[in-house]
Amino acid sequence: MRVKPLPKKWLIHEIEYEGYTGQKDDWGNDKFEEPITIKYVRFDDSTVFSRDNTQTKVLANAVVFVDVKNSYPIPEFKEQSRVTFNSKEYIVQKVVPCYYPTKNAVHHWELELL
């Protein structure tokens, strides 16, 4: 079974990605790496909810799909990193590697943003 990459014609967006360093500056603000522009990604502005008997939580306001073959460059994605799309800043809440069904290799990444 051959799984094709995400079609490049679907990857119509680009984002600016700033990796979270895990450090704070002198004022207690999070520090980030220098921004890089990742081309050929898919930005979907869709809210991801979690519901239980007592409450509904927003887990993400958007999802970015980053294809291993067509998107570039691909950094080491980290939670708490910053993503900018259309001049709006988001924070990466969850990094989801989506693997090929028959081998231990990432097919694409999904970044859940808040």
C-alpha atoms as a PDB file:
ATOM      1  CA  MET A   1       0.000   0.000   0.000  1.00  0.00           C
ATOM      2  CA  ARG A   2       1.519   3.294  -1.108  1.00  0.00           C
ATOM      3  CA  VAL A   3       0.397   6.418   0.753  1.00  0.00           C
ATOM      4  CA  LYS A   4       0.953   9.561  -1.272  1.00  0.00           C
ATOM      5  CA  PRO A   5       2.064  12.857   0.283  1.00  0.00           C
ATOM      6  CA  LEU A   6      -0.505  15.548   0.903  1.00  0.00           C
ATOM      7  CA  PRO A   7      -1.154  17.088  -2.533  1.00  0.00           C
ATOM      8  CA  LYS A   8       0.904  20.228  -3.027  1.00  0.00           C
ATOM      9  CA  LYS A   9      -2.114  22.033  -4.503  1.00  0.00           C
ATOM     10  CA  TRP A  10      -3.772  21.692  -1.071  1.00  0.00           C
ATOM     11  CA  LEU A  11      -0.762  23.254   0.690  1.00  0.00           C
ATOM     12  CA  ILE A  12      -1.571  26.855  -0.216  1.00  0.00           C
ATOM     13  CA  HIS A  13      -0.355  28.619   2.926  1.00  0.00           C
ATOM     14  CA  GLU A  14       2.859  29.549   4.666  1.00  0.00           C
ATOM     15  CA  ILE A  15       3.447  30.195   8.354  1.00  0.00           C
ATOM     16  CA  GLU A  16       6.130  31.784  10.463  1.00  0.00           C
ATOM     17  CA  TYR A  17       7.370  29.391  13.161  1.00  0.00           C
ATOM     18  CA  GLU A  18       9.352  30.383  16.272  1.00  0.00           C
ATOM     19  CA  GLY A  19      10.541  27.406  18.306  1.00  0.00           C
ATOM     20  CA  TYR A  20      10.099  27.581  22.070  1.00  0.00           C
ATOM     21  CA  THR A  21      13.450  27.549  23.869  1.00  0.00           C
ATOM     22  CA  GLY A  22      12.175  26.602  27.332  1.00  0.00           C
ATOM     23  CA  GLN A  23      13.822  29.727  28.774  1.00  0.00           C
ATOM     24  CA  LYS A  24      12.520  33.031  30.127  1.00  0.00           C
ATOM     25  CA  ASP A  25      13.892  36.530  29.580  1.00  0.00           C
ATOM     26  CA  ASP A  26      14.652  39.007  32.390  1.00  0.00           C
ATOM     27  CA  TRP A  27      10.955  39.983  32.601  1.00  0.00           C
ATOM     28  CA  GLY A  28       9.678  36.396  32.810  1.00  0.00           C
ATOM     29  CA  ASN A  29       8.487  36.179  29.201  1.00  0.00           C
ATOM     30  CA  ASP A  30       9.029  33.030  27.145  1.00  0.00           C
ATOM     31  CA  LYS A  31      12.014  33.081  24.775  1.00  0.00           C
ATOM     32  CA  PHE A  32      11.741  31.844  21.190  1.00  0.00           C
ATOM     33  CA  GLU A  33      14.198  30.930  18.448  1.00  0.00           C
ATOM     34  CA  GLU A  34      14.595  33.117  15.385  1.00  0.00           C
ATOM     35  CA  PRO A  35      11.496  32.874  13.169  1.00  0.00           C
ATOM     36  CA  ILE A  36      11.540  30.711  10.048  1.00  0.00           C
ATOM     37  CA  THR A  37       8.999  30.694   7.240  1.00  0.00           C
ATOM     38  CA  ILE A  38       7.568  27.264   6.463  1.00  0.00           C
ATOM     39  CA  LYS A  39       6.115  27.080   2.968  1.00  0.00           C
ATOM     40  CA  TYR A  40       3.501  24.753   1.506  1.00  0.00           C
ATOM     41  CA  VAL A  41       1.418  24.035   4.603  1.00  0.00           C
ATOM     42  CA  ARG A  42      -2.335  23.891   5.140  1.00  0.00           C
ATOM     43  CA  PHE A  43      -3.839  26.220   7.761  1.00  0.00           C
ATOM     44  CA  ASP A  44      -7.367  25.267   8.810  1.00  0.00           C
ATOM     45  CA  ASP A  45      -9.116  27.729  11.083  1.00  0.00           C
ATOM     46  CA  SER A  46     -11.263  25.189  12.898  1.00  0.00           C
ATOM     47  CA  THR A  47     -11.945  24.875  16.601  1.00  0.00           C
ATOM     48  CA  VAL A  48     -11.225  21.583  18.382  1.00  0.00           C
ATOM     49  CA  PHE A  49     -13.392  20.987  21.477  1.00  0.00           C
ATOM     50  CA  SER A  50     -13.325  18.560  24.393  1.00  0.00           C
ATOM     51  CA  ARG A  51     -16.616  17.915  26.180  1.00  0.00           C
ATOM     52  CA  ASP A  52     -17.550  16.035  29.310  1.00  0.00           C
ATOM     53  CA  ASN A  53     -20.601  16.021  31.606  1.00  0.00           C
ATOM     54  CA  THR A  54     -19.747  19.328  33.256  1.00  0.00           C
ATOM     55  CA  GLN A  55     -17.861  21.489  30.759  1.00  0.00           C
ATOM     56  CA  THR A  56     -16.710  22.183  27.233  1.00  0.00           C
ATOM     57  CA  LYS A  57     -13.080  23.178  26.650  1.00  0.00           C
ATOM     58  CA  VAL A  58     -11.473  24.656  23.557  1.00  0.00           C
ATOM     59  CA  LEU A  59      -8.349  22.593  22.841  1.00  0.00           C
ATOM     60  CA  ALA A  60      -7.332  24.386  19.640  1.00  0.00           C
ATOM     61  CA  ASN A  61      -8.471  27.279  17.451  1.00  0.00           C
ATOM     62  CA  ALA A  62      -6.672  26.109  14.322  1.00  0.00           C
ATOM     63  CA  VAL A  63      -4.754  23.174  12.875  1.00  0.00           C
ATOM     64  CA  VAL A  64      -1.717  23.363  10.590  1.00  0.00           C
ATOM     65  CA  PHE A  65      -0.839  20.398   8.357  1.00  0.00           C
ATOM     66  CA  VAL A  66       2.874  20.130   7.482  1.00  0.00           C
ATOM     67  CA  ASP A  67       3.726  17.516   4.854  1.00  0.00           C
ATOM     68  CA  VAL A  68       7.072  15.717   5.151  1.00  0.00           C
ATOM     69  CA  LYS A  69       7.656  15.734   1.382  1.00  0.00           C
ATOM     70  CA  ASN A  70       6.207  19.054   0.149  1.00  0.00           C
ATOM     71  CA  SER A  71       6.522  21.474   3.084  1.00  0.00           C
ATOM     72  CA  TYR A  72       9.866  23.110   3.842  1.00  0.00           C
ATOM     73  CA  PRO A  73      11.844  23.698   5.904  1.00  0.00           C
ATOM     74  CA  ILE A  74      10.666  21.313   8.613  1.00  0.00           C
ATOM     75  CA  PRO A  75      12.081  22.133  12.052  1.00  0.00           C
ATOM     76  CA  GLU A  76      11.812  19.993  15.158  1.00  0.00           C
ATOM     77  CA  PHE A  77       8.303  21.002  16.256  1.00  0.00           C
ATOM     78  CA  LYS A  78       7.817  21.771  19.956  1.00  0.00           C
ATOM     79  CA  GLU A  79       4.769  22.540  22.050  1.00  0.00           C
ATOM     80  CA  GLN A  80       4.541  26.133  23.330  1.00  0.00           C
ATOM     81  CA  SER A  81       6.210  27.412  20.140  1.00  0.00           C
ATOM     82  CA  ARG A  82       4.751  30.419  18.366  1.00  0.00           C
ATOM     83  CA  VAL A  83       3.117  30.364  14.915  1.00  0.00           C
ATOM     84  CA  THR A  84       2.110  33.468  12.978  1.00  0.00           C
ATOM     85  CA  PHE A  85      -0.418  33.273  10.148  1.00  0.00           C
ATOM     86  CA  ASN A  86      -1.983  36.315   8.469  1.00  0.00           C
ATOM     87  CA  SER A  87      -0.469  38.582  11.165  1.00  0.00           C
ATOM     88  CA  LYS A  88      -2.180  36.623  13.970  1.00  0.00           C
ATOM     89  CA  GLU A  89      -0.094  34.824  16.588  1.00  0.00           C
ATOM     90  CA  TYR A  90      -0.931  31.369  17.921  1.00  0.00           C
ATOM     91  CA  ILE A  91       0.737  29.027  20.409  1.00  0.00           C
ATOM     92  CA  VAL A  92       1.307  25.358  19.559  1.00  0.00           C
ATOM     93  CA  GLN A  93      -0.723  23.326  22.060  1.00  0.00           C
ATOM     94  CA  LYS A  94      -0.091  19.883  20.613  1.00  0.00           C
ATOM     95  CA  VAL A  95       2.275  18.392  18.036  1.00  0.00           C
ATOM     96  CA  VAL A  96       0.811  15.287  16.367  1.00  0.00           C
ATOM     97  CA  PRO A  97       3.092  13.174  14.177  1.00  0.00           C
ATOM     98  CA  CYS A  98       0.962  11.174  11.723  1.00  0.00           C
ATOM     99  CA  TYR A  99       2.810   8.029  10.650  1.00  0.00           C
ATOM    100  CA  TYR A 100       2.564   5.935   7.504  1.00  0.00           C
ATOM    101  CA  PRO A 101       0.339   2.908   8.142  1.00  0.00           C
ATOM    102  CA  THR A 102       3.027   0.346   7.249  1.00  0.00           C
ATOM    103  CA  LYS A 103       6.316   1.911   8.396  1.00  0.00           C
ATOM    104  CA  ASN A 104       7.758   3.830  11.305  1.00  0.00           C
ATOM    105  CA  ALA A 105       8.147   7.167   9.487  1.00  0.00           C
ATOM    106  CA  VAL A 106       6.183  10.404   9.747  1.00  0.00           C
ATOM    107  CA  HIS A 107       3.863  11.106   6.806  1.00  0.00           C
ATOM    108  CA  HIS A 108       2.811  14.588   7.991  1.00  0.00           C
ATOM    109  CA  TRP A 109       2.576  16.695  11.137  1.00  0.00           C
ATOM    110  CA  GLU A 110      -0.518  18.284  12.621  1.00  0.00           C
ATOM    111  CA  LEU A 111       0.027  21.322  14.844  1.00  0.00           C
ATOM    112  CA  GLU A 112      -2.924  22.205  17.059  1.00  0.00           C
ATOM    113  CA  LEU A 113      -2.869  25.943  17.777  1.00  0.00           C
ATOM    114  CA  LEU A 114      -4.513  28.087  20.420  1.00  0.00           C
END
